[in-house]
Every structure is written in C-alpha cells, then in structure tokens.
Amino acid sequence: MPAWQKPDLPDGPLRALNDELHRLHAFSGYRSSYQIQAWLKARATNHSDLINDWMTPSHTLIHRTLTQAVLPNRAVVNNLVEAFIALGRIQNGRDVLDKIDQLWTEAYDEDHSHPAPANSVDLSAPVPEPEPPDTIPESPQSSTAETGPTKQQLPTSGSQQVDELFERRFRDGTA
C-alpha cells in the first residue's frame, strides 16, 4: 500500500503533527484505512470497556485525518497512533503517544491563538430586533389582461351564486 498524500501545510505545529502521523503510518507498513479500521474495531470488541468511550472511526475519517489540512479530532488521532504502534510493533509506544499529544496541543494552541478576522461576526453580541416598516406598500392595480379575470367574471356554481348574492345584499344593507 503506498503512502497517503500529505496536505500542503505551512511550517508550524500542525505540519509537525501531520509529518509525525505520516512517519508512524510508514512504520506501520502503510496499512490501508480499512486495515486500521479493522484493528480498531477488533480492539473495541475485545475490550468492552472501550466500546462506550470511542466508536470505531470510519475508514474515510481515518484517511482524512492524515490527508486534510485541518487539525484532526484528538480522540481519532490518539486511536490512530495506538493502531500504528500496534501494527508497526513500535516499542516505545507511551513515548510516541506523549509526543503526539504534545504536538496536537501545540497545533491546537496555535490554531486558537489567532484573533478573529475583522469581517467575522461576534456571536456573543445581541441580535437587534428588526424595525417594522413605516407604511406597507400598496400593490399597483393592473388590468385584467395582465392578472386574469376577476371573481365576478368567473363562472360560478349555484351555491356560489347564492353566497355572492347574500354577500352583496349584506354589504348594501338590503338583506
């Protein structure tokens, strides 16, 4: 299985984290995302205490964790590193986990240390109430050629004719 393509990242903690994850992927023998998922699923099945803590990530999430230019989920990273350690038979597993945890924390801190852009919306600010319009615009009257026949021009059934007659008489006060 070939190496997965690295994302284009600037120098910094996120790139260092991604480089280390790719190095561990190489040590594990460039396992496929399906093989890594199968190992994680078997581990969760064999250790019932892990089932509720973490569901097995999908093979696409596993692949995206190494190939996307964003800070990956910490739990996914930790599970992948454990899989890489086991599949690659890496001896100093605890040290590797500690190093990855430190890199992830540094990448998180850098990602969240930047001030919000000038055009960003402050979600904590109260939303102003919309002001009601001063007047309601009237719709322009149009000819029947544009809008079609009026109610009086449409053919009506017998009961509609009685209703219309009653309405007219009620309006005129002759009812």
N, C-alpha and C. Protein backbone atom coordinates (compact mmCIF):
# COMPACT_ATOMS: atom_id res chain seq x y z
N MET A 1 0.86 -1.17 0.00
CA MET A 1 0.00 0.00 0.00
C MET A 1 0.90 1.23 0.00
N PRO A 2 0.67 2.18 -0.94
CA PRO A 2 1.52 3.38 -0.99
C PRO A 2 1.20 4.36 0.12
N ALA A 3 2.10 5.30 0.30
CA ALA A 3 1.90 6.35 1.30
C ALA A 3 0.74 7.25 0.86
N TRP A 4 0.06 7.81 1.83
CA TRP A 4 -1.03 8.74 1.52
C TRP A 4 -0.45 10.12 1.27
N GLN A 5 -1.10 10.89 0.43
CA GLN A 5 -0.62 12.22 0.09
C GLN A 5 -0.72 13.15 1.29
N LYS A 6 0.37 13.86 1.55
CA LYS A 6 0.38 14.82 2.64
C LYS A 6 -0.30 16.10 2.20
N PRO A 7 -1.02 16.75 3.11
CA PRO A 7 -1.63 18.03 2.75
C PRO A 7 -0.57 19.12 2.66
N ASP A 8 -0.88 20.17 1.92
CA ASP A 8 0.03 21.31 1.80
C ASP A 8 -0.16 22.21 3.02
N LEU A 9 0.77 22.13 3.96
CA LEU A 9 0.69 22.88 5.21
C LEU A 9 1.90 23.77 5.37
N PRO A 10 1.72 24.97 5.93
CA PRO A 10 2.89 25.81 6.22
C PRO A 10 3.66 25.23 7.41
N ASP A 11 4.91 25.66 7.54
CA ASP A 11 5.70 25.22 8.70
C ASP A 11 4.97 25.62 9.97
N GLY A 12 5.02 24.72 10.96
CA GLY A 12 4.37 25.01 12.23
C GLY A 12 3.95 23.72 12.91
N PRO A 13 3.26 23.83 14.02
CA PRO A 13 2.89 22.66 14.81
C PRO A 13 1.95 21.69 14.08
N LEU A 14 1.02 22.22 13.28
CA LEU A 14 0.11 21.32 12.56
C LEU A 14 0.86 20.48 11.54
N ARG A 15 1.82 21.10 10.87
CA ARG A 15 2.63 20.35 9.91
C ARG A 15 3.49 19.32 10.63
N ALA A 16 4.05 19.69 11.79
CA ALA A 16 4.87 18.75 12.56
C ALA A 16 4.01 17.56 13.00
N LEU A 17 2.79 17.82 13.43
CA LEU A 17 1.87 16.73 13.82
C LEU A 17 1.58 15.84 12.63
N ASN A 18 1.25 16.43 11.50
CA ASN A 18 0.92 15.65 10.31
C ASN A 18 2.12 14.85 9.83
N ASP A 19 3.31 15.45 9.86
CA ASP A 19 4.52 14.72 9.47
C ASP A 19 4.75 13.51 10.37
N GLU A 20 4.55 13.69 11.67
CA GLU A 20 4.75 12.59 12.61
C GLU A 20 3.72 11.48 12.38
N LEU A 21 2.47 11.86 12.10
CA LEU A 21 1.45 10.84 11.81
C LEU A 21 1.81 10.06 10.55
N HIS A 22 2.33 10.74 9.53
CA HIS A 22 2.74 10.06 8.30
C HIS A 22 3.95 9.15 8.57
N ARG A 23 4.84 9.57 9.43
CA ARG A 23 6.00 8.74 9.78
C ARG A 23 5.53 7.45 10.48
N LEU A 24 4.57 7.60 11.41
CA LEU A 24 4.04 6.43 12.09
C LEU A 24 3.27 5.52 11.13
N HIS A 25 2.57 6.13 10.17
CA HIS A 25 1.88 5.34 9.15
C HIS A 25 2.89 4.52 8.35
N ALA A 26 4.04 5.12 8.06
CA ALA A 26 5.10 4.39 7.34
C ALA A 26 5.62 3.23 8.19
N PHE A 27 5.86 3.48 9.49
CA PHE A 27 6.35 2.43 10.39
C PHE A 27 5.36 1.28 10.51
N SER A 28 4.06 1.58 10.35
CA SER A 28 3.06 0.52 10.46
C SER A 28 2.93 -0.28 9.16
N GLY A 29 3.71 0.09 8.17
CA GLY A 29 3.70 -0.65 6.91
C GLY A 29 2.71 -0.07 5.90
N TYR A 30 2.43 1.20 6.01
CA TYR A 30 1.46 1.87 5.14
C TYR A 30 0.15 1.09 5.05
N ARG A 31 -0.36 0.74 6.21
CA ARG A 31 -1.62 -0.01 6.26
C ARG A 31 -2.74 0.82 5.63
N SER A 32 -3.70 0.15 5.03
CA SER A 32 -4.83 0.85 4.43
C SER A 32 -5.77 1.33 5.54
N SER A 33 -6.61 2.27 5.19
CA SER A 33 -7.57 2.77 6.18
C SER A 33 -8.53 1.66 6.60
N TYR A 34 -8.80 0.71 5.70
CA TYR A 34 -9.65 -0.43 6.06
C TYR A 34 -8.97 -1.33 7.09
N GLN A 35 -7.66 -1.56 6.92
CA GLN A 35 -6.93 -2.39 7.87
C GLN A 35 -6.84 -1.72 9.24
N ILE A 36 -6.62 -0.41 9.24
CA ILE A 36 -6.55 0.32 10.50
C ILE A 36 -7.91 0.29 11.19
N GLN A 37 -8.97 0.49 10.43
CA GLN A 37 -10.32 0.45 10.99
C GLN A 37 -10.62 -0.94 11.56
N ALA A 38 -10.20 -1.98 10.85
CA ALA A 38 -10.44 -3.35 11.34
C ALA A 38 -9.71 -3.58 12.66
N TRP A 39 -8.48 -3.07 12.79
CA TRP A 39 -7.75 -3.24 14.04
C TRP A 39 -8.45 -2.50 15.17
N LEU A 40 -8.89 -1.28 14.91
CA LEU A 40 -9.58 -0.51 15.94
C LEU A 40 -10.90 -1.17 16.34
N LYS A 41 -11.60 -1.73 15.37
CA LYS A 41 -12.87 -2.41 15.67
C LYS A 41 -12.61 -3.66 16.51
N ALA A 42 -11.57 -4.42 16.15
CA ALA A 42 -11.24 -5.63 16.92
C ALA A 42 -10.83 -5.26 18.34
N ARG A 43 -10.08 -4.19 18.49
CA ARG A 43 -9.66 -3.76 19.82
C ARG A 43 -10.87 -3.36 20.67
N ALA A 44 -11.82 -2.64 20.07
CA ALA A 44 -13.01 -2.23 20.80
C ALA A 44 -13.87 -3.43 21.16
N THR A 45 -13.92 -4.42 20.28
CA THR A 45 -14.70 -5.63 20.55
C THR A 45 -14.07 -6.46 21.65
N ASN A 46 -12.75 -6.55 21.65
CA ASN A 46 -12.04 -7.35 22.65
C ASN A 46 -11.97 -6.67 24.01
N HIS A 47 -12.10 -5.36 24.03
CA HIS A 47 -12.06 -4.60 25.28
C HIS A 47 -13.39 -3.89 25.45
N SER A 48 -14.32 -4.54 26.11
CA SER A 48 -15.67 -3.99 26.23
C SER A 48 -15.69 -2.63 26.92
N ASP A 49 -14.69 -2.31 27.71
CA ASP A 49 -14.65 -1.01 28.37
C ASP A 49 -14.39 0.13 27.38
N LEU A 50 -13.88 -0.19 26.18
CA LEU A 50 -13.59 0.83 25.17
C LEU A 50 -14.78 1.14 24.28
N ILE A 51 -15.76 0.24 24.23
CA ILE A 51 -16.86 0.40 23.29
C ILE A 51 -17.62 1.70 23.55
N ASN A 52 -17.92 2.01 24.78
CA ASN A 52 -18.68 3.23 25.06
C ASN A 52 -17.82 4.48 25.00
N ASP A 53 -16.52 4.36 25.18
CA ASP A 53 -15.66 5.54 25.15
C ASP A 53 -15.43 6.04 23.73
N TRP A 54 -15.34 5.14 22.79
CA TRP A 54 -15.00 5.56 21.45
C TRP A 54 -15.53 4.56 20.44
N MET A 55 -16.34 5.05 19.54
CA MET A 55 -16.80 4.21 18.45
C MET A 55 -15.69 4.17 17.40
N THR A 56 -15.62 3.10 16.66
CA THR A 56 -14.58 2.94 15.65
C THR A 56 -14.77 3.97 14.53
N PRO A 57 -13.75 4.75 14.22
CA PRO A 57 -13.90 5.73 13.14
C PRO A 57 -14.03 5.04 11.78
N SER A 58 -14.69 5.70 10.86
CA SER A 58 -14.84 5.15 9.51
C SER A 58 -13.50 5.18 8.80
N HIS A 59 -13.39 4.38 7.75
CA HIS A 59 -12.13 4.36 7.00
C HIS A 59 -11.88 5.71 6.33
N THR A 60 -12.95 6.43 5.96
CA THR A 60 -12.74 7.74 5.35
C THR A 60 -12.25 8.76 6.37
N LEU A 61 -12.75 8.69 7.60
CA LEU A 61 -12.27 9.58 8.65
C LEU A 61 -10.80 9.29 8.97
N ILE A 62 -10.44 8.04 8.98
CA ILE A 62 -9.04 7.65 9.21
C ILE A 62 -8.15 8.26 8.13
N HIS A 63 -8.58 8.13 6.88
CA HIS A 63 -7.79 8.66 5.76
C HIS A 63 -7.73 10.19 5.81
N ARG A 64 -8.87 10.85 6.08
CA ARG A 64 -8.91 12.31 6.14
C ARG A 64 -8.04 12.86 7.26
N THR A 65 -7.89 12.12 8.34
CA THR A 65 -7.08 12.58 9.47
C THR A 65 -5.64 12.85 9.04
N LEU A 66 -5.13 12.06 8.11
CA LEU A 66 -3.76 12.24 7.64
C LEU A 66 -3.65 13.09 6.38
N THR A 67 -4.73 13.27 5.65
CA THR A 67 -4.62 13.92 4.34
C THR A 67 -5.26 15.31 4.26
N GLN A 68 -6.03 15.72 5.27
CA GLN A 68 -6.67 17.03 5.24
C GLN A 68 -5.80 18.06 5.95
N ALA A 69 -5.90 19.29 5.50
CA ALA A 69 -5.08 20.38 6.06
C ALA A 69 -5.80 21.07 7.21
N VAL A 70 -6.39 20.29 8.11
CA VAL A 70 -7.07 20.82 9.29
C VAL A 70 -6.61 20.03 10.51
N LEU A 71 -6.80 20.64 11.68
CA LEU A 71 -6.45 19.95 12.92
C LEU A 71 -7.44 18.81 13.13
N PRO A 72 -6.96 17.56 13.18
CA PRO A 72 -7.88 16.44 13.34
C PRO A 72 -8.37 16.31 14.78
N ASN A 73 -9.44 15.56 14.94
CA ASN A 73 -10.02 15.29 16.26
C ASN A 73 -8.98 14.57 17.11
N ARG A 74 -8.85 15.01 18.36
CA ARG A 74 -7.82 14.45 19.24
C ARG A 74 -8.05 12.96 19.53
N ALA A 75 -9.30 12.56 19.74
CA ALA A 75 -9.59 11.15 20.02
C ALA A 75 -9.26 10.28 18.82
N VAL A 76 -9.56 10.77 17.63
CA VAL A 76 -9.23 9.99 16.43
C VAL A 76 -7.72 9.84 16.30
N VAL A 77 -6.99 10.94 16.53
CA VAL A 77 -5.52 10.89 16.45
C VAL A 77 -4.97 9.88 17.45
N ASN A 78 -5.44 9.94 18.69
CA ASN A 78 -4.92 9.00 19.70
C ASN A 78 -5.21 7.55 19.32
N ASN A 79 -6.40 7.28 18.80
CA ASN A 79 -6.72 5.92 18.38
C ASN A 79 -5.87 5.48 17.20
N LEU A 80 -5.64 6.38 16.25
CA LEU A 80 -4.78 6.03 15.11
C LEU A 80 -3.36 5.74 15.56
N VAL A 81 -2.85 6.55 16.47
CA VAL A 81 -1.49 6.34 16.96
C VAL A 81 -1.38 4.99 17.67
N GLU A 82 -2.40 4.65 18.46
CA GLU A 82 -2.38 3.33 19.11
C GLU A 82 -2.39 2.21 18.07
N ALA A 83 -3.15 2.39 17.00
CA ALA A 83 -3.17 1.39 15.93
C ALA A 83 -1.80 1.32 15.25
N PHE A 84 -1.21 2.48 14.95
CA PHE A 84 0.11 2.49 14.30
C PHE A 84 1.15 1.82 15.19
N ILE A 85 1.09 2.06 16.49
CA ILE A 85 2.04 1.45 17.43
C ILE A 85 1.89 -0.07 17.41
N ALA A 86 0.66 -0.53 17.47
CA ALA A 86 0.43 -1.99 17.50
C ALA A 86 0.76 -2.63 16.16
N LEU A 87 0.30 -2.03 15.06
CA LEU A 87 0.52 -2.63 13.74
C LEU A 87 1.98 -2.55 13.31
N GLY A 88 2.69 -1.50 13.75
CA GLY A 88 4.09 -1.35 13.40
C GLY A 88 5.04 -1.94 14.43
N ARG A 89 4.47 -2.51 15.50
CA ARG A 89 5.26 -3.11 16.59
C ARG A 89 6.31 -2.12 17.11
N ILE A 90 5.87 -0.90 17.35
CA ILE A 90 6.75 0.15 17.85
C ILE A 90 6.92 -0.07 19.35
N GLN A 91 8.16 -0.09 19.80
CA GLN A 91 8.48 -0.45 21.18
C GLN A 91 8.17 0.63 22.21
N ASN A 92 8.45 1.86 21.91
CA ASN A 92 8.29 2.94 22.89
C ASN A 92 6.93 3.64 22.70
N GLY A 93 5.87 2.88 22.76
CA GLY A 93 4.53 3.37 22.49
C GLY A 93 4.09 4.53 23.36
N ARG A 94 4.38 4.46 24.66
CA ARG A 94 3.98 5.53 25.57
C ARG A 94 4.66 6.85 25.21
N ASP A 95 5.94 6.79 24.84
CA ASP A 95 6.67 7.99 24.43
C ASP A 95 6.08 8.58 23.15
N VAL A 96 5.71 7.70 22.23
CA VAL A 96 5.12 8.15 20.96
C VAL A 96 3.78 8.84 21.23
N LEU A 97 2.95 8.24 22.07
CA LEU A 97 1.66 8.85 22.41
C LEU A 97 1.85 10.21 23.08
N ASP A 98 2.83 10.31 23.97
CA ASP A 98 3.11 11.59 24.63
C ASP A 98 3.57 12.65 23.63
N LYS A 99 4.41 12.24 22.68
CA LYS A 99 4.90 13.18 21.66
C LYS A 99 3.76 13.67 20.78
N ILE A 100 2.90 12.75 20.35
CA ILE A 100 1.75 13.13 19.51
C ILE A 100 0.81 14.04 20.28
N ASP A 101 0.60 13.73 21.55
CA ASP A 101 -0.28 14.56 22.38
C ASP A 101 0.28 15.97 22.50
N GLN A 102 1.58 16.09 22.67
CA GLN A 102 2.22 17.40 22.76
C GLN A 102 2.09 18.16 21.43
N LEU A 103 2.33 17.47 20.31
CA LEU A 103 2.21 18.11 19.00
C LEU A 103 0.77 18.57 18.74
N TRP A 104 -0.19 17.73 19.12
CA TRP A 104 -1.60 18.09 18.91
C TRP A 104 -1.94 19.33 19.74
N THR A 105 -1.47 19.37 20.99
CA THR A 105 -1.76 20.51 21.86
C THR A 105 -1.14 21.78 21.30
N GLU A 106 0.08 21.71 20.80
CA GLU A 106 0.73 22.87 20.20
C GLU A 106 -0.03 23.35 18.97
N ALA A 107 -0.48 22.40 18.13
CA ALA A 107 -1.24 22.77 16.93
C ALA A 107 -2.58 23.41 17.32
N TYR A 108 -3.21 22.87 18.35
CA TYR A 108 -4.48 23.43 18.83
C TYR A 108 -4.26 24.85 19.35
N ASP A 109 -3.22 25.03 20.15
CA ASP A 109 -2.94 26.35 20.72
C ASP A 109 -2.67 27.38 19.63
N GLU A 110 -1.92 26.99 18.61
CA GLU A 110 -1.64 27.92 17.51
C GLU A 110 -2.91 28.22 16.73
N ASP A 111 -3.72 27.21 16.49
CA ASP A 111 -4.96 27.38 15.72
C ASP A 111 -5.93 28.31 16.44
N HIS A 112 -5.95 28.28 17.76
CA HIS A 112 -6.90 29.08 18.53
C HIS A 112 -6.30 30.35 19.11
N SER A 113 -5.06 30.67 18.77
CA SER A 113 -4.43 31.87 19.32
C SER A 113 -4.61 33.09 18.42
N HIS A 114 -5.05 32.87 17.19
CA HIS A 114 -5.21 33.99 16.26
C HIS A 114 -6.48 34.76 16.56
N PRO A 115 -6.42 36.09 16.48
CA PRO A 115 -7.65 36.87 16.69
C PRO A 115 -8.62 36.64 15.53
N ALA A 116 -9.89 36.89 15.79
CA ALA A 116 -10.91 36.72 14.76
C ALA A 116 -10.68 37.75 13.65
N PRO A 117 -10.95 37.38 12.39
CA PRO A 117 -10.80 38.34 11.30
C PRO A 117 -11.74 39.53 11.49
N ALA A 118 -11.39 40.65 10.88
CA ALA A 118 -12.17 41.88 11.04
C ALA A 118 -13.59 41.72 10.53
N ASN A 119 -13.79 40.88 9.53
CA ASN A 119 -15.13 40.73 8.96
C ASN A 119 -15.91 39.59 9.61
N SER A 120 -15.43 39.04 10.71
CA SER A 120 -16.14 37.94 11.34
C SER A 120 -17.28 38.48 12.20
N VAL A 121 -18.25 37.63 12.46
CA VAL A 121 -19.43 38.02 13.23
C VAL A 121 -19.20 37.64 14.68
N ASP A 122 -19.51 38.57 15.58
CA ASP A 122 -19.42 38.30 17.01
C ASP A 122 -20.70 37.60 17.43
N LEU A 123 -20.61 36.29 17.69
CA LEU A 123 -21.79 35.51 18.01
C LEU A 123 -22.31 35.80 19.42
N SER A 124 -21.53 36.46 20.24
CA SER A 124 -21.99 36.77 21.59
C SER A 124 -22.77 38.08 21.65
N ALA A 125 -22.73 38.88 20.58
CA ALA A 125 -23.45 40.15 20.56
C ALA A 125 -24.94 39.90 20.40
N PRO A 126 -25.77 40.74 21.05
CA PRO A 126 -27.21 40.55 20.91
C PRO A 126 -27.66 40.88 19.49
N VAL A 127 -28.68 40.18 19.04
CA VAL A 127 -29.21 40.40 17.70
C VAL A 127 -30.26 41.50 17.78
N PRO A 128 -30.12 42.57 16.99
CA PRO A 128 -31.11 43.65 17.06
C PRO A 128 -32.44 43.20 16.48
N GLU A 129 -33.52 43.73 17.06
CA GLU A 129 -34.86 43.43 16.56
C GLU A 129 -35.09 44.19 15.27
N PRO A 130 -35.71 43.57 14.28
CA PRO A 130 -35.97 44.30 13.03
C PRO A 130 -37.03 45.38 13.27
N GLU A 131 -36.85 46.53 12.63
CA GLU A 131 -37.80 47.62 12.78
C GLU A 131 -38.96 47.41 11.82
N PRO A 132 -40.20 47.65 12.29
CA PRO A 132 -41.34 47.49 11.40
C PRO A 132 -41.34 48.61 10.37
N PRO A 133 -41.84 48.34 9.18
CA PRO A 133 -41.86 49.39 8.16
C PRO A 133 -42.87 50.48 8.54
N ASP A 134 -42.60 51.73 8.12
CA ASP A 134 -43.50 52.84 8.41
C ASP A 134 -44.84 52.66 7.71
N THR A 135 -44.78 52.30 6.48
CA THR A 135 -46.01 52.07 5.72
C THR A 135 -45.86 50.78 4.94
N ILE A 136 -46.99 50.19 4.68
CA ILE A 136 -47.00 48.97 3.86
C ILE A 136 -47.24 49.40 2.44
N PRO A 137 -46.33 49.06 1.54
CA PRO A 137 -46.51 49.49 0.15
C PRO A 137 -47.74 48.82 -0.45
N GLU A 138 -48.50 49.62 -1.21
CA GLU A 138 -49.68 49.08 -1.86
C GLU A 138 -49.26 48.48 -3.18
N SER A 139 -49.92 47.40 -3.53
CA SER A 139 -49.60 46.78 -4.81
C SER A 139 -50.29 47.57 -5.91
N PRO A 140 -49.62 47.76 -7.01
CA PRO A 140 -50.22 48.53 -8.10
C PRO A 140 -51.39 47.74 -8.70
N GLN A 141 -52.45 48.45 -9.07
CA GLN A 141 -53.59 47.82 -9.72
C GLN A 141 -53.21 47.58 -11.17
N SER A 142 -53.57 46.43 -11.64
CA SER A 142 -53.24 46.10 -13.01
C SER A 142 -54.51 45.73 -13.75
N SER A 143 -54.39 45.71 -15.01
CA SER A 143 -55.57 45.38 -15.82
C SER A 143 -55.84 43.89 -15.77
N THR A 144 -57.06 43.50 -16.12
CA THR A 144 -57.42 42.08 -16.09
C THR A 144 -56.66 41.30 -17.15
N ALA A 145 -56.17 41.99 -18.16
CA ALA A 145 -55.40 41.29 -19.19
C ALA A 145 -54.11 40.73 -18.60
N GLU A 146 -53.54 41.45 -17.61
CA GLU A 146 -52.30 41.00 -17.00
C GLU A 146 -52.54 39.98 -15.89
N THR A 147 -53.63 40.15 -15.14
CA THR A 147 -53.84 39.31 -13.98
C THR A 147 -54.89 38.23 -14.18
N GLY A 148 -55.65 38.30 -15.24
CA GLY A 148 -56.71 37.32 -15.47
C GLY A 148 -58.04 37.88 -15.02
N PRO A 149 -59.09 37.11 -15.18
CA PRO A 149 -60.43 37.60 -14.86
C PRO A 149 -60.61 37.77 -13.36
N THR A 150 -61.49 38.72 -12.98
CA THR A 150 -61.79 38.92 -11.57
C THR A 150 -62.79 37.88 -11.11
N LYS A 151 -63.08 37.90 -9.82
CA LYS A 151 -64.01 36.92 -9.25
C LYS A 151 -65.39 37.03 -9.88
N GLN A 152 -65.84 38.23 -10.21
CA GLN A 152 -67.16 38.41 -10.80
C GLN A 152 -67.21 37.91 -12.23
N GLN A 153 -66.06 37.86 -12.90
CA GLN A 153 -66.04 37.41 -14.28
C GLN A 153 -65.97 35.89 -14.41
N LEU A 154 -65.62 35.19 -13.34
CA LEU A 154 -65.51 33.73 -13.39
C LEU A 154 -66.89 33.10 -13.32
N PRO A 155 -67.08 32.00 -14.05
CA PRO A 155 -68.36 31.30 -13.93
C PRO A 155 -68.45 30.68 -12.54
N THR A 156 -69.65 30.71 -11.94
CA THR A 156 -69.83 30.20 -10.60
C THR A 156 -70.89 29.11 -10.58
N SER A 157 -70.84 28.27 -9.57
CA SER A 157 -71.86 27.25 -9.39
C SER A 157 -73.06 27.88 -8.69
N GLY A 158 -74.16 27.12 -8.57
CA GLY A 158 -75.38 27.64 -7.96
C GLY A 158 -75.17 28.09 -6.54
N SER A 159 -74.46 27.31 -5.71
CA SER A 159 -74.27 27.70 -4.31
C SER A 159 -73.37 28.91 -4.20
N GLN A 160 -72.40 29.05 -5.10
CA GLN A 160 -71.55 30.23 -5.06
C GLN A 160 -72.35 31.47 -5.42
N GLN A 161 -73.30 31.32 -6.36
CA GLN A 161 -74.13 32.46 -6.74
C GLN A 161 -74.98 32.93 -5.56
N VAL A 162 -75.53 31.99 -4.78
CA VAL A 162 -76.34 32.34 -3.63
C VAL A 162 -75.47 33.06 -2.60
N ASP A 163 -74.26 32.53 -2.36
CA ASP A 163 -73.35 33.16 -1.40
C ASP A 163 -73.00 34.58 -1.83
N GLU A 164 -72.72 34.77 -3.12
CA GLU A 164 -72.38 36.09 -3.61
C GLU A 164 -73.56 37.05 -3.49
N LEU A 165 -74.76 36.57 -3.79
CA LEU A 165 -75.96 37.40 -3.67
C LEU A 165 -76.17 37.83 -2.22
N PHE A 166 -76.03 36.90 -1.29
CA PHE A 166 -76.17 37.21 0.13
C PHE A 166 -75.13 38.23 0.56
N GLU A 167 -73.87 38.02 0.11
CA GLU A 167 -72.80 38.95 0.46
C GLU A 167 -73.12 40.36 -0.03
N ARG A 168 -73.59 40.47 -1.28
CA ARG A 168 -73.90 41.76 -1.87
C ARG A 168 -75.03 42.44 -1.09
N ARG A 169 -76.07 41.70 -0.78
CA ARG A 169 -77.20 42.27 -0.06
C ARG A 169 -76.80 42.68 1.37
N PHE A 170 -75.92 41.89 2.00
CA PHE A 170 -75.47 42.19 3.36
C PHE A 170 -74.66 43.48 3.36
N ARG A 171 -73.80 43.64 2.36
CA ARG A 171 -72.99 44.85 2.22
C ARG A 171 -73.87 46.07 1.96
N ASP A 172 -74.84 45.89 1.12
CA ASP A 172 -75.70 47.01 0.75
C ASP A 172 -76.74 47.31 1.83
N GLY A 173 -76.95 46.43 2.77
CA GLY A 173 -77.94 46.60 3.84
C GLY A 173 -79.35 46.24 3.42
N THR A 174 -79.50 45.51 2.31
CA THR A 174 -80.82 45.11 1.84
C THR A 174 -81.20 43.70 2.28
N ALA A 175 -80.35 43.04 3.05
CA ALA A 175 -80.62 41.67 3.46
C ALA A 175 -81.59 41.59 4.61
